[in-house]
N, C-alpha and C. Protein backbone atom coordinates (compact mmCIF):
# COMPACT_ATOMS: atom_id res chain seq x y z
N MET A 1 30.86 42.15 53.84
CA MET A 1 29.92 43.02 54.50
C MET A 1 28.62 42.27 54.73
N ILE A 2 27.95 42.56 55.80
CA ILE A 2 26.65 41.96 56.10
C ILE A 2 25.60 43.06 56.01
N THR A 3 24.63 42.87 55.12
CA THR A 3 23.59 43.88 54.90
C THR A 3 22.20 43.28 55.14
N LEU A 4 21.27 44.19 55.36
CA LEU A 4 19.86 43.81 55.51
C LEU A 4 19.03 44.81 54.73
N SER A 5 18.29 44.33 53.74
CA SER A 5 17.39 45.17 52.94
C SER A 5 15.96 44.87 53.34
N VAL A 6 15.20 45.92 53.65
CA VAL A 6 13.82 45.76 54.12
C VAL A 6 12.89 46.50 53.17
N ASP A 7 11.99 45.75 52.55
CA ASP A 7 11.01 46.34 51.63
C ASP A 7 9.84 45.38 51.52
N ASP A 8 8.63 45.91 51.44
CA ASP A 8 7.45 45.05 51.35
C ASP A 8 7.17 44.59 49.92
N GLN A 9 8.01 44.99 48.98
CA GLN A 9 7.89 44.55 47.59
C GLN A 9 9.01 43.55 47.31
N PRO A 10 8.68 42.27 47.14
CA PRO A 10 9.72 41.25 46.96
C PRO A 10 10.63 41.48 45.76
N GLU A 11 10.11 42.12 44.72
CA GLU A 11 10.96 42.38 43.56
C GLU A 11 12.07 43.38 43.91
N ILE A 12 11.81 44.27 44.84
CA ILE A 12 12.82 45.25 45.26
C ILE A 12 13.89 44.58 46.11
N THR A 13 13.48 43.79 47.10
CA THR A 13 14.49 43.12 47.93
C THR A 13 15.28 42.11 47.10
N GLY A 14 14.64 41.48 46.14
CA GLY A 14 15.35 40.55 45.25
C GLY A 14 16.41 41.27 44.43
N LEU A 15 16.05 42.44 43.91
CA LEU A 15 16.99 43.23 43.13
C LEU A 15 18.15 43.73 44.00
N MET A 16 17.83 44.18 45.22
CA MET A 16 18.89 44.63 46.14
C MET A 16 19.85 43.50 46.43
N LYS A 17 19.32 42.33 46.73
CA LYS A 17 20.18 41.18 47.03
C LYS A 17 21.05 40.82 45.83
N LYS A 18 20.46 40.82 44.65
CA LYS A 18 21.20 40.49 43.44
C LYS A 18 22.34 41.50 43.22
N MET A 19 22.05 42.78 43.36
CA MET A 19 23.09 43.81 43.17
C MET A 19 24.18 43.70 44.23
N LEU A 20 23.78 43.51 45.48
CA LEU A 20 24.77 43.42 46.56
C LEU A 20 25.61 42.15 46.44
N ASP A 21 25.01 41.05 46.02
CA ASP A 21 25.77 39.81 45.80
C ASP A 21 26.81 40.02 44.70
N ARG A 22 26.45 40.80 43.71
CA ARG A 22 27.38 41.06 42.60
C ARG A 22 28.50 42.01 43.03
N ILE A 23 28.15 43.04 43.80
CA ILE A 23 29.14 44.01 44.28
C ILE A 23 30.06 43.38 45.32
N ASP A 24 29.48 42.59 46.20
CA ASP A 24 30.21 42.00 47.33
C ASP A 24 29.89 40.50 47.42
N PRO A 25 30.47 39.69 46.52
CA PRO A 25 30.12 38.27 46.49
C PRO A 25 30.50 37.49 47.74
N ARG A 26 31.40 37.98 48.52
CA ARG A 26 31.78 37.29 49.76
C ARG A 26 30.93 37.73 50.94
N GLY A 27 30.11 38.73 50.74
CA GLY A 27 29.27 39.25 51.82
C GLY A 27 28.05 38.39 52.07
N ARG A 28 27.32 38.77 53.09
CA ARG A 28 26.06 38.10 53.42
C ARG A 28 24.97 39.16 53.33
N HIS A 29 24.05 38.99 52.40
CA HIS A 29 23.05 40.00 52.12
C HIS A 29 21.65 39.42 52.36
N MET A 30 21.04 39.88 53.43
CA MET A 30 19.74 39.35 53.86
C MET A 30 18.63 40.30 53.43
N THR A 31 17.43 39.75 53.31
CA THR A 31 16.26 40.55 52.97
C THR A 31 15.13 40.25 53.94
N ALA A 32 14.27 41.25 54.11
CA ALA A 32 13.08 41.09 54.95
C ALA A 32 11.92 41.81 54.27
N ALA A 33 10.74 41.22 54.37
CA ALA A 33 9.54 41.79 53.75
C ALA A 33 8.82 42.78 54.65
N ASN A 34 9.19 42.80 55.93
CA ASN A 34 8.56 43.73 56.87
C ASN A 34 9.47 43.89 58.08
N MET A 35 9.09 44.76 58.98
CA MET A 35 9.94 45.05 60.13
C MET A 35 9.99 43.90 61.12
N ASP A 36 8.94 43.11 61.22
CA ASP A 36 9.00 41.93 62.10
C ASP A 36 10.11 40.99 61.65
N GLU A 37 10.16 40.73 60.36
CA GLU A 37 11.24 39.89 59.82
C GLU A 37 12.61 40.54 60.04
N ALA A 38 12.67 41.85 59.83
CA ALA A 38 13.94 42.57 59.97
C ALA A 38 14.47 42.46 61.40
N PHE A 39 13.59 42.65 62.38
CA PHE A 39 14.04 42.55 63.77
C PHE A 39 14.50 41.14 64.11
N THR A 40 13.92 40.13 63.46
CA THR A 40 14.34 38.75 63.67
C THR A 40 15.76 38.53 63.13
N LEU A 41 16.06 39.15 61.99
CA LEU A 41 17.36 38.99 61.35
C LEU A 41 18.45 39.89 61.91
N LEU A 42 18.03 40.96 62.57
CA LEU A 42 18.99 41.96 63.05
C LEU A 42 19.90 41.39 64.13
N SER A 43 21.18 41.65 63.96
CA SER A 43 22.18 41.29 64.97
C SER A 43 23.27 42.34 64.93
N ASP A 44 24.19 42.27 65.86
CA ASP A 44 25.30 43.21 65.89
C ASP A 44 26.22 43.05 64.69
N GLU A 45 26.10 41.94 63.98
CA GLU A 45 26.93 41.70 62.80
C GLU A 45 26.48 42.49 61.58
N VAL A 46 25.20 42.90 61.53
CA VAL A 46 24.69 43.63 60.38
C VAL A 46 25.40 44.98 60.32
N GLN A 47 25.97 45.28 59.15
CA GLN A 47 26.76 46.49 59.00
C GLN A 47 25.99 47.63 58.34
N VAL A 48 25.04 47.31 57.46
CA VAL A 48 24.25 48.33 56.78
C VAL A 48 22.82 47.82 56.64
N ILE A 49 21.86 48.71 56.87
CA ILE A 49 20.44 48.39 56.69
C ILE A 49 19.86 49.34 55.65
N PHE A 50 19.23 48.78 54.63
CA PHE A 50 18.52 49.56 53.61
C PHE A 50 17.03 49.46 53.91
N LEU A 51 16.38 50.60 54.10
CA LEU A 51 14.96 50.63 54.48
C LEU A 51 14.09 51.29 53.42
N ASP A 52 12.96 50.68 53.15
CA ASP A 52 11.93 51.31 52.34
C ASP A 52 11.21 52.31 53.24
N ILE A 53 10.94 53.49 52.75
CA ILE A 53 10.26 54.51 53.54
C ILE A 53 8.77 54.21 53.68
N GLU A 54 8.14 53.81 52.58
CA GLU A 54 6.69 53.56 52.57
C GLU A 54 6.40 52.07 52.58
N MET A 55 6.15 51.53 53.75
CA MET A 55 5.78 50.12 53.88
C MET A 55 4.46 50.02 54.63
N LYS A 56 3.77 48.91 54.43
CA LYS A 56 2.56 48.66 55.21
C LYS A 56 2.97 48.46 56.67
N GLY A 57 2.13 48.88 57.56
CA GLY A 57 2.46 48.74 58.99
C GLY A 57 3.46 49.79 59.40
N LEU A 58 4.52 49.36 59.99
CA LEU A 58 5.56 50.26 60.48
C LEU A 58 6.32 50.86 59.29
N LYS A 59 6.32 52.18 59.18
CA LYS A 59 6.99 52.88 58.08
C LYS A 59 8.49 52.91 58.32
N GLY A 60 9.26 53.12 57.25
CA GLY A 60 10.71 53.12 57.32
C GLY A 60 11.28 54.14 58.30
N ILE A 61 10.70 55.35 58.33
CA ILE A 61 11.21 56.39 59.23
C ILE A 61 10.98 55.97 60.69
N GLU A 62 9.80 55.45 60.98
CA GLU A 62 9.52 54.97 62.35
C GLU A 62 10.43 53.80 62.70
N ALA A 63 10.63 52.92 61.73
CA ALA A 63 11.48 51.76 61.94
C ALA A 63 12.92 52.17 62.19
N ALA A 64 13.38 53.21 61.50
CA ALA A 64 14.75 53.68 61.68
C ALA A 64 15.00 54.08 63.13
N ASP A 65 14.04 54.75 63.74
CA ASP A 65 14.18 55.13 65.15
C ASP A 65 14.33 53.89 66.03
N LEU A 66 13.50 52.89 65.80
CA LEU A 66 13.57 51.66 66.60
C LEU A 66 14.87 50.91 66.34
N LEU A 67 15.29 50.86 65.08
CA LEU A 67 16.53 50.16 64.74
C LEU A 67 17.75 50.84 65.36
N MET A 68 17.74 52.17 65.37
CA MET A 68 18.86 52.89 65.97
C MET A 68 18.96 52.62 67.47
N LYS A 69 17.82 52.43 68.11
CA LYS A 69 17.84 52.11 69.54
C LYS A 69 18.35 50.69 69.77
N LYS A 70 17.95 49.77 68.90
CA LYS A 70 18.33 48.37 69.07
C LYS A 70 19.78 48.11 68.62
N SER A 71 20.19 48.79 67.59
CA SER A 71 21.53 48.58 67.03
C SER A 71 22.15 49.94 66.67
N PRO A 72 22.57 50.72 67.67
CA PRO A 72 22.98 52.11 67.43
C PRO A 72 24.21 52.29 66.52
N LEU A 73 25.01 51.28 66.34
CA LEU A 73 26.22 51.43 65.53
C LEU A 73 26.01 51.04 64.07
N THR A 74 24.83 50.53 63.72
CA THR A 74 24.56 50.11 62.34
C THR A 74 24.09 51.29 61.51
N PRO A 75 24.79 51.61 60.40
CA PRO A 75 24.34 52.70 59.54
C PRO A 75 23.05 52.35 58.82
N LEU A 76 22.14 53.30 58.75
CA LEU A 76 20.88 53.12 58.02
C LEU A 76 20.96 53.94 56.75
N THR A 77 20.48 53.37 55.62
CA THR A 77 20.46 54.12 54.37
C THR A 77 19.08 54.08 53.77
């Protein structure tokens, strides 16, 4: 599975990556500190996106709308 975790707290994205690597060691689990980084990493290959709701700048809910337009088949959690 290919995942993308977005959070402005590096300890959270680090923990997400560590857990996902353990659950799915053959997967590719990417992290982003903000939505600019997330949009750079986003591709049609990403299967699940984990979003922080409260981030500096673009909030998770606002970002979800943009992500759904850019990648409508990717589930957001």
